[in-house]
Amino acid sequence: MNTTMASRYKKGQRVTIVPAKDQSASPSDADIEEYLGQSGKIVDYYWIRPGTKVFYIYTIRIGDSKKEIVVHEDEIEAHIE
């Protein structure tokens, strides 16, 4: 039986980097701080399941640059033009 839920975002989708919701500050927050508010395109994503919960991790190409960052699903939202 497949209990994996679908990812919220898809490859090629434009997203905006946002602070993580409902979490206290973590070391990963400092890593993305300079990108908050910037938009980018999802180049790839992966899921992990430590126990029973599934977490999605996305690789985002920032703007038109070649710079790529890795974020958790709660650190992005759909980009609205």
Protein backbone atom coordinates (compact mmCIF):
# COMPACT_ATOMS: atom_id res chain seq x y z
CA MET A 1 0.00 0.00 0.00
CA ASN A 2 1.39 3.42 -0.98
CA THR A 3 0.92 5.92 1.86
CA THR A 4 3.06 8.68 0.31
CA MET A 5 1.10 11.87 -0.19
CA ALA A 6 1.69 14.00 -3.27
CA SER A 7 4.11 16.90 -3.12
CA ARG A 8 2.56 20.35 -2.89
CA TYR A 9 4.82 21.78 -5.63
CA LYS A 10 6.09 20.43 -8.96
CA LYS A 11 9.30 20.69 -11.03
CA GLY A 12 9.37 23.88 -13.07
CA GLN A 13 6.97 25.72 -10.74
CA ARG A 14 7.93 29.24 -9.62
CA VAL A 15 7.99 29.70 -5.85
CA THR A 16 8.96 32.36 -3.32
CA ILE A 17 11.29 31.68 -0.39
CA VAL A 18 9.55 32.39 2.95
CA PRO A 19 10.36 31.87 6.65
CA ALA A 20 9.35 28.43 7.93
CA LYS A 21 5.90 28.41 9.50
CA ASP A 22 5.19 27.18 13.03
CA GLN A 23 8.79 26.40 13.88
CA SER A 24 11.33 28.00 16.14
CA ALA A 25 14.54 29.21 14.52
CA SER A 26 16.78 26.43 13.30
CA PRO A 27 20.23 26.34 11.68
CA SER A 28 18.59 25.91 8.25
CA ASP A 29 16.78 29.25 8.71
CA ALA A 30 20.11 31.07 8.73
CA ASP A 31 21.10 29.30 5.50
CA ILE A 32 18.12 30.70 3.57
CA GLU A 33 17.84 34.09 5.30
CA GLU A 34 19.54 35.98 2.45
CA TYR A 35 17.03 34.47 -0.04
CA LEU A 36 13.82 35.33 1.84
CA GLY A 37 11.36 37.06 -0.48
CA GLN A 38 13.22 36.00 -3.63
CA SER A 39 11.58 33.82 -6.24
CA GLY A 40 12.98 30.85 -8.08
CA LYS A 41 12.09 27.73 -10.00
CA ILE A 42 11.90 24.20 -8.63
CA VAL A 43 14.54 22.09 -10.36
CA ASP A 44 14.00 18.92 -8.37
CA TYR A 45 12.48 17.56 -5.20
CA TYR A 46 12.84 14.55 -2.94
CA TRP A 47 10.90 13.06 -0.07
CA ILE A 48 12.05 11.40 3.10
CA ARG A 49 10.02 9.47 5.63
CA PRO A 50 11.61 9.35 9.08
CA GLY A 51 8.95 7.24 10.76
CA THR A 52 5.38 7.78 9.59
CA LYS A 53 5.48 11.39 8.34
CA VAL A 54 6.63 12.34 4.82
CA PHE A 55 8.78 15.48 4.31
CA TYR A 56 9.49 17.07 0.93
CA ILE A 57 12.79 18.80 0.21
CA TYR A 58 13.12 21.02 -2.88
CA THR A 59 16.07 22.27 -4.92
CA ILE A 60 15.33 25.82 -6.06
CA ARG A 61 17.23 27.82 -8.71
CA ILE A 62 17.11 31.43 -7.51
CA GLY A 63 16.00 34.01 -10.11
CA ASP A 64 17.78 33.73 -13.44
CA SER A 65 21.08 32.79 -11.79
CA LYS A 66 22.73 29.40 -11.55
CA LYS A 67 22.58 29.57 -7.73
CA GLU A 68 20.61 26.66 -6.26
CA ILE A 69 19.48 26.21 -2.68
CA VAL A 70 17.73 23.37 -0.86
CA VAL A 71 14.66 24.12 1.24
CA HIS A 72 11.91 22.29 3.10
CA GLU A 73 8.36 22.46 1.78
CA ASP A 74 7.30 24.89 4.54
CA GLU A 75 9.98 27.37 3.42
CA ILE A 76 8.39 28.06 0.02
CA GLU A 77 5.05 29.19 -1.34
CA ALA A 78 3.62 29.43 -4.85
CA HIS A 79 4.89 32.57 -6.62
CA ILE A 80 2.14 34.98 -7.63
CA GLU A 81 2.94 37.35 -10.48
